[in-house]
Amino acid sequence: MFFTSQQPYDIVISFNELVQDDVATFNIMDETLIPVASPDLVKQDRLTLNQLEKVPLLTFLARPNLWNDWFASVNRAAPTPKSGLLFENFQMLIHATIAGLGVALIPEFMITGDLKAGRLKQIHSRSMHSTPQYFMAIPNEKMQDEKIIKFREWLLQMAKKHPG
């Protein structure tokens, strides 16, 4: 997304940094992805890599290589053919994982409540930090707006208090 003077946006929060001369960007937070499953699907505390290769791997459609990257981080090739379903957004992926349809890599900050409530559990100790991060972008012409300043300061403060 690009800002132009014709667009009504004051602030954009994006997963990728917007690089544009007339826009200031602020890193809000990094993202840590963890492999999770429903306790009903995975009875033991952790899965070995061999066990993990045998369960359906649920995938976020916009980032189809997450499982490949995760398996590479443990020096293993991702299972082929890939099994599992594709989901258009993380909320659908989270609900499918809770329902026991498979194992998913999900940003930890999105499922903190589900982990605490026992609806999901981390099934392998390896987490993965995502290269893209969450950013806030503000057009330079709006940087002095009092409401924008307050919101920016509040959001950055909350992000520091509750890191991804």
C-alpha atoms as a PDB file:
ATOM      1  CA  MET A   1       0.000   0.000   0.000  1.00  0.00           C
ATOM      2  CA  PHE A   2       1.218   3.465  -0.829  1.00  0.00           C
ATOM      3  CA  PHE A   3       0.058   6.739   0.629  1.00  0.00           C
ATOM      4  CA  THR A   4      -1.041   9.495  -1.702  1.00  0.00           C
ATOM      5  CA  SER A   5      -2.640  12.828  -0.970  1.00  0.00           C
ATOM      6  CA  GLN A   6      -5.936  11.439  -2.318  1.00  0.00           C
ATOM      7  CA  GLN A   7      -6.102   8.591   0.207  1.00  0.00           C
ATOM      8  CA  PRO A   8      -7.938   9.192   3.477  1.00  0.00           C
ATOM      9  CA  TYR A   9      -5.512   7.142   5.606  1.00  0.00           C
ATOM     10  CA  ASP A  10      -3.921   8.691   8.665  1.00  0.00           C
ATOM     11  CA  ILE A  11      -2.042   5.567   9.733  1.00  0.00           C
ATOM     12  CA  VAL A  12      -1.454   2.161   8.198  1.00  0.00           C
ATOM     13  CA  ILE A  13      -0.402  -0.853  10.234  1.00  0.00           C
ATOM     14  CA  SER A  14       1.305  -3.325   7.977  1.00  0.00           C
ATOM     15  CA  PHE A  15       3.178  -6.593   8.169  1.00  0.00           C
ATOM     16  CA  ASN A  16       5.797  -5.216   5.793  1.00  0.00           C
ATOM     17  CA  GLU A  17       7.631  -1.926   6.040  1.00  0.00           C
ATOM     18  CA  LEU A  18       6.360   0.761   3.688  1.00  0.00           C
ATOM     19  CA  VAL A  19       9.359   2.423   2.092  1.00  0.00           C
ATOM     20  CA  GLN A  20       8.308   5.768   0.753  1.00  0.00           C
ATOM     21  CA  ASP A  21       9.919   9.224   0.976  1.00  0.00           C
ATOM     22  CA  ASP A  22       6.789  10.946   2.268  1.00  0.00           C
ATOM     23  CA  VAL A  23       6.011   8.344   4.959  1.00  0.00           C
ATOM     24  CA  ALA A  24       7.548   7.766   8.395  1.00  0.00           C
ATOM     25  CA  THR A  25       7.626   4.150   9.560  1.00  0.00           C
ATOM     26  CA  PHE A  26       7.907   2.753  13.069  1.00  0.00           C
ATOM     27  CA  ASN A  27       8.623  -0.847  13.988  1.00  0.00           C
ATOM     28  CA  ILE A  28       5.793  -1.983  16.239  1.00  0.00           C
ATOM     29  CA  MET A  29       6.921  -5.526  16.990  1.00  0.00           C
ATOM     30  CA  ASP A  30       8.628  -8.635  15.758  1.00  0.00           C
ATOM     31  CA  GLU A  31       6.750 -11.855  15.207  1.00  0.00           C
ATOM     32  CA  THR A  32       7.472 -15.228  16.794  1.00  0.00           C
ATOM     33  CA  LEU A  33       5.711 -18.211  15.260  1.00  0.00           C
ATOM     34  CA  ILE A  34       5.204 -21.385  17.269  1.00  0.00           C
ATOM     35  CA  PRO A  35       3.931 -24.824  16.212  1.00  0.00           C
ATOM     36  CA  VAL A  36       0.666 -25.554  17.993  1.00  0.00           C
ATOM     37  CA  ALA A  37      -2.111 -28.120  18.037  1.00  0.00           C
ATOM     38  CA  SER A  38      -5.276 -28.928  19.901  1.00  0.00           C
ATOM     39  CA  PRO A  39      -4.668 -31.035  23.026  1.00  0.00           C
ATOM     40  CA  ASP A  40      -7.323 -33.394  21.597  1.00  0.00           C
ATOM     41  CA  LEU A  41      -5.185 -34.007  18.494  1.00  0.00           C
ATOM     42  CA  VAL A  42      -1.804 -34.288  20.208  1.00  0.00           C
ATOM     43  CA  LYS A  43      -2.009 -36.092  23.532  1.00  0.00           C
ATOM     44  CA  GLN A  44       1.680 -35.956  24.521  1.00  0.00           C
ATOM     45  CA  ASP A  45       3.459 -32.762  25.550  1.00  0.00           C
ATOM     46  CA  ARG A  46       5.773 -32.511  22.548  1.00  0.00           C
ATOM     47  CA  LEU A  47       6.070 -34.130  19.144  1.00  0.00           C
ATOM     48  CA  THR A  48       9.314 -35.407  17.685  1.00  0.00           C
ATOM     49  CA  LEU A  49      10.190 -34.289  14.171  1.00  0.00           C
ATOM     50  CA  ASN A  50       9.263 -37.753  12.862  1.00  0.00           C
ATOM     51  CA  GLN A  51       5.847 -37.510  14.522  1.00  0.00           C
ATOM     52  CA  LEU A  52       5.333 -33.963  13.281  1.00  0.00           C
ATOM     53  CA  GLU A  53       5.940 -35.072   9.695  1.00  0.00           C
ATOM     54  CA  LYS A  54       2.971 -37.454   9.967  1.00  0.00           C
ATOM     55  CA  VAL A  55       0.258 -35.014  11.103  1.00  0.00           C
ATOM     56  CA  PRO A  56      -1.608 -32.618   8.795  1.00  0.00           C
ATOM     57  CA  LEU A  57       0.259 -29.314   8.532  1.00  0.00           C
ATOM     58  CA  LEU A  58      -2.188 -26.423   8.314  1.00  0.00           C
ATOM     59  CA  THR A  59      -0.941 -23.487   6.263  1.00  0.00           C
ATOM     60  CA  PHE A  60      -1.607 -19.745   6.081  1.00  0.00           C
ATOM     61  CA  LEU A  61      -2.280 -19.079   2.393  1.00  0.00           C
ATOM     62  CA  ALA A  62      -0.540 -15.684   2.282  1.00  0.00           C
ATOM     63  CA  ARG A  63       2.669 -17.229   3.649  1.00  0.00           C
ATOM     64  CA  PRO A  64       2.816 -20.742   2.188  1.00  0.00           C
ATOM     65  CA  ASN A  65       6.522 -21.285   2.925  1.00  0.00           C
ATOM     66  CA  LEU A  66       6.312 -21.015   6.711  1.00  0.00           C
ATOM     67  CA  TRP A  67       6.505 -24.768   7.223  1.00  0.00           C
ATOM     68  CA  ASN A  68       9.440 -25.054   4.795  1.00  0.00           C
ATOM     69  CA  ASP A  69      11.239 -22.318   6.733  1.00  0.00           C
ATOM     70  CA  TRP A  70      10.435 -23.930  10.079  1.00  0.00           C
ATOM     71  CA  PHE A  71      11.672 -27.369   9.021  1.00  0.00           C
ATOM     72  CA  ALA A  72      14.812 -25.752   7.554  1.00  0.00           C
ATOM     73  CA  SER A  73      15.407 -24.122  10.959  1.00  0.00           C
ATOM     74  CA  VAL A  74      15.651 -27.626  12.467  1.00  0.00           C
ATOM     75  CA  ASN A  75      17.839 -28.854   9.581  1.00  0.00           C
ATOM     76  CA  ARG A  76      15.109 -30.965   8.069  1.00  0.00           C
ATOM     77  CA  ALA A  77      13.304 -30.930   4.734  1.00  0.00           C
ATOM     78  CA  ALA A  78       9.585 -30.250   4.948  1.00  0.00           C
ATOM     79  CA  PRO A  79       7.465 -33.350   4.355  1.00  0.00           C
ATOM     80  CA  THR A  80       6.427 -33.972   0.756  1.00  0.00           C
ATOM     81  CA  PRO A  81       3.818 -34.068  -0.456  1.00  0.00           C
ATOM     82  CA  LYS A  82       2.566 -31.410   1.893  1.00  0.00           C
ATOM     83  CA  SER A  83      -0.483 -32.529   3.771  1.00  0.00           C
ATOM     84  CA  GLY A  84      -3.040 -30.276   5.354  1.00  0.00           C
ATOM     85  CA  LEU A  85      -5.382 -27.456   4.517  1.00  0.00           C
ATOM     86  CA  LEU A  86      -4.766 -23.860   3.416  1.00  0.00           C
ATOM     87  CA  PHE A  87      -6.422 -20.959   5.240  1.00  0.00           C
ATOM     88  CA  GLU A  88      -6.936 -17.429   4.018  1.00  0.00           C
ATOM     89  CA  ASN A  89      -6.392 -15.706   7.370  1.00  0.00           C
ATOM     90  CA  PHE A  90      -4.902 -16.458  10.751  1.00  0.00           C
ATOM     91  CA  GLN A  91      -8.277 -16.442  12.533  1.00  0.00           C
ATOM     92  CA  MET A  92      -9.548 -19.276  10.349  1.00  0.00           C
ATOM     93  CA  LEU A  93      -6.247 -21.106  10.856  1.00  0.00           C
ATOM     94  CA  ILE A  94      -6.494 -20.703  14.635  1.00  0.00           C
ATOM     95  CA  HIS A  95     -10.075 -22.027  14.739  1.00  0.00           C
ATOM     96  CA  ALA A  96      -9.177 -25.004  12.536  1.00  0.00           C
ATOM     97  CA  THR A  97      -6.225 -25.811  14.795  1.00  0.00           C
ATOM     98  CA  ILE A  98      -8.382 -25.614  17.925  1.00  0.00           C
ATOM     99  CA  ALA A  99     -10.893 -27.918  16.188  1.00  0.00           C
ATOM    100  CA  GLY A 100      -8.135 -30.515  15.802  1.00  0.00           C
ATOM    101  CA  LEU A 101      -7.717 -30.428  12.015  1.00  0.00           C
ATOM    102  CA  GLY A 102      -3.920 -30.368  12.232  1.00  0.00           C
ATOM    103  CA  VAL A 103      -0.822 -28.551  13.445  1.00  0.00           C
ATOM    104  CA  ALA A 104      -0.179 -24.898  12.580  1.00  0.00           C
ATOM    105  CA  LEU A 105       2.544 -22.273  12.839  1.00  0.00           C
ATOM    106  CA  ILE A 106       0.857 -19.252  14.384  1.00  0.00           C
ATOM    107  CA  PRO A 107       2.171 -15.933  15.716  1.00  0.00           C
ATOM    108  CA  GLU A 108       2.404 -16.384  19.465  1.00  0.00           C
ATOM    109  CA  PHE A 109       0.800 -13.027  20.277  1.00  0.00           C
ATOM    110  CA  MET A 110      -2.378 -14.088  18.447  1.00  0.00           C
ATOM    111  CA  ILE A 111      -2.918 -17.195  20.589  1.00  0.00           C
ATOM    112  CA  THR A 112      -1.718 -16.229  24.056  1.00  0.00           C
ATOM    113  CA  GLY A 113      -5.249 -16.607  25.453  1.00  0.00           C
ATOM    114  CA  ASP A 114      -5.790 -19.952  23.703  1.00  0.00           C
ATOM    115  CA  LEU A 115      -2.511 -21.282  25.118  1.00  0.00           C
ATOM    116  CA  LYS A 116      -3.364 -20.145  28.652  1.00  0.00           C
ATOM    117  CA  ALA A 117      -6.895 -21.571  28.410  1.00  0.00           C
ATOM    118  CA  GLY A 118      -5.603 -24.921  27.157  1.00  0.00           C
ATOM    119  CA  ARG A 119      -7.374 -24.746  23.788  1.00  0.00           C
ATOM    120  CA  LEU A 120      -3.971 -24.944  22.076  1.00  0.00           C
ATOM    121  CA  LYS A 121      -0.572 -26.177  23.136  1.00  0.00           C
ATOM    122  CA  GLN A 122       2.906 -25.726  21.747  1.00  0.00           C
ATOM    123  CA  ILE A 123       3.937 -29.111  20.369  1.00  0.00           C
ATOM    124  CA  HIS A 124       7.639 -28.504  19.680  1.00  0.00           C
ATOM    125  CA  SER A 125      10.146 -26.336  21.505  1.00  0.00           C
ATOM    126  CA  ARG A 126      11.428 -24.681  18.321  1.00  0.00           C
ATOM    127  CA  SER A 127       9.935 -21.261  17.621  1.00  0.00           C
ATOM    128  CA  MET A 128      10.690 -19.158  14.558  1.00  0.00           C
ATOM    129  CA  HIS A 129      11.169 -15.419  14.239  1.00  0.00           C
ATOM    130  CA  SER A 130       9.654 -13.969  11.114  1.00  0.00           C
ATOM    131  CA  THR A 131      11.792 -11.737   8.913  1.00  0.00           C
ATOM    132  CA  PRO A 132       9.031  -9.249   8.092  1.00  0.00           C
ATOM    133  CA  GLN A 133       7.792  -7.347  11.094  1.00  0.00           C
ATOM    134  CA  TYR A 134       4.780  -5.253  11.997  1.00  0.00           C
ATOM    135  CA  PHE A 135       5.102  -1.571  11.164  1.00  0.00           C
ATOM    136  CA  MET A 136       3.096   1.593  11.575  1.00  0.00           C
ATOM    137  CA  ALA A 137       3.302   4.063   8.690  1.00  0.00           C
ATOM    138  CA  ILE A 138       2.271   7.719   8.939  1.00  0.00           C
ATOM    139  CA  PRO A 139       2.383  10.288   6.129  1.00  0.00           C
ATOM    140  CA  ASN A 140       4.939  12.996   6.932  1.00  0.00           C
ATOM    141  CA  GLU A 141       2.257  15.651   6.507  1.00  0.00           C
ATOM    142  CA  LYS A 142       0.312  14.128   9.434  1.00  0.00           C
ATOM    143  CA  MET A 143       3.243  13.583  11.815  1.00  0.00           C
ATOM    144  CA  GLN A 144       2.428  16.724  13.840  1.00  0.00           C
ATOM    145  CA  ASP A 145      -1.284  15.954  14.251  1.00  0.00           C
ATOM    146  CA  GLU A 146      -1.950  15.715  18.009  1.00  0.00           C
ATOM    147  CA  LYS A 147      -4.281  12.705  17.696  1.00  0.00           C
ATOM    148  CA  ILE A 148      -1.786  10.880  15.503  1.00  0.00           C
ATOM    149  CA  ILE A 149       1.026  11.605  17.977  1.00  0.00           C
ATOM    150  CA  LYS A 150      -1.049  10.290  20.897  1.00  0.00           C
ATOM    151  CA  PHE A 151      -2.038   7.144  19.043  1.00  0.00           C
ATOM    152  CA  ARG A 152       1.525   6.507  17.831  1.00  0.00           C
ATOM    153  CA  GLU A 153       2.951   6.924  21.345  1.00  0.00           C
ATOM    154  CA  TRP A 154       0.236   4.723  22.852  1.00  0.00           C
ATOM    155  CA  LEU A 155       0.712   1.939  20.284  1.00  0.00           C
ATOM    156  CA  LEU A 156       4.504   1.947  20.621  1.00  0.00           C
ATOM    157  CA  GLN A 157       4.183   1.899  24.424  1.00  0.00           C
ATOM    158  CA  MET A 158       1.747  -1.055  24.284  1.00  0.00           C
ATOM    159  CA  ALA A 159       4.033  -2.917  21.893  1.00  0.00           C
ATOM    160  CA  LYS A 160       6.957  -2.505  24.310  1.00  0.00           C
ATOM    161  CA  LYS A 161       4.815  -3.592  27.240  1.00  0.00           C
ATOM    162  CA  HIS A 162       3.462  -6.642  25.391  1.00  0.00           C
ATOM    163  CA  PRO A 163       6.094  -7.693  22.837  1.00  0.00           C
ATOM    164  CA  GLY A 164       5.068 -10.065  20.036  1.00  0.00           C
END
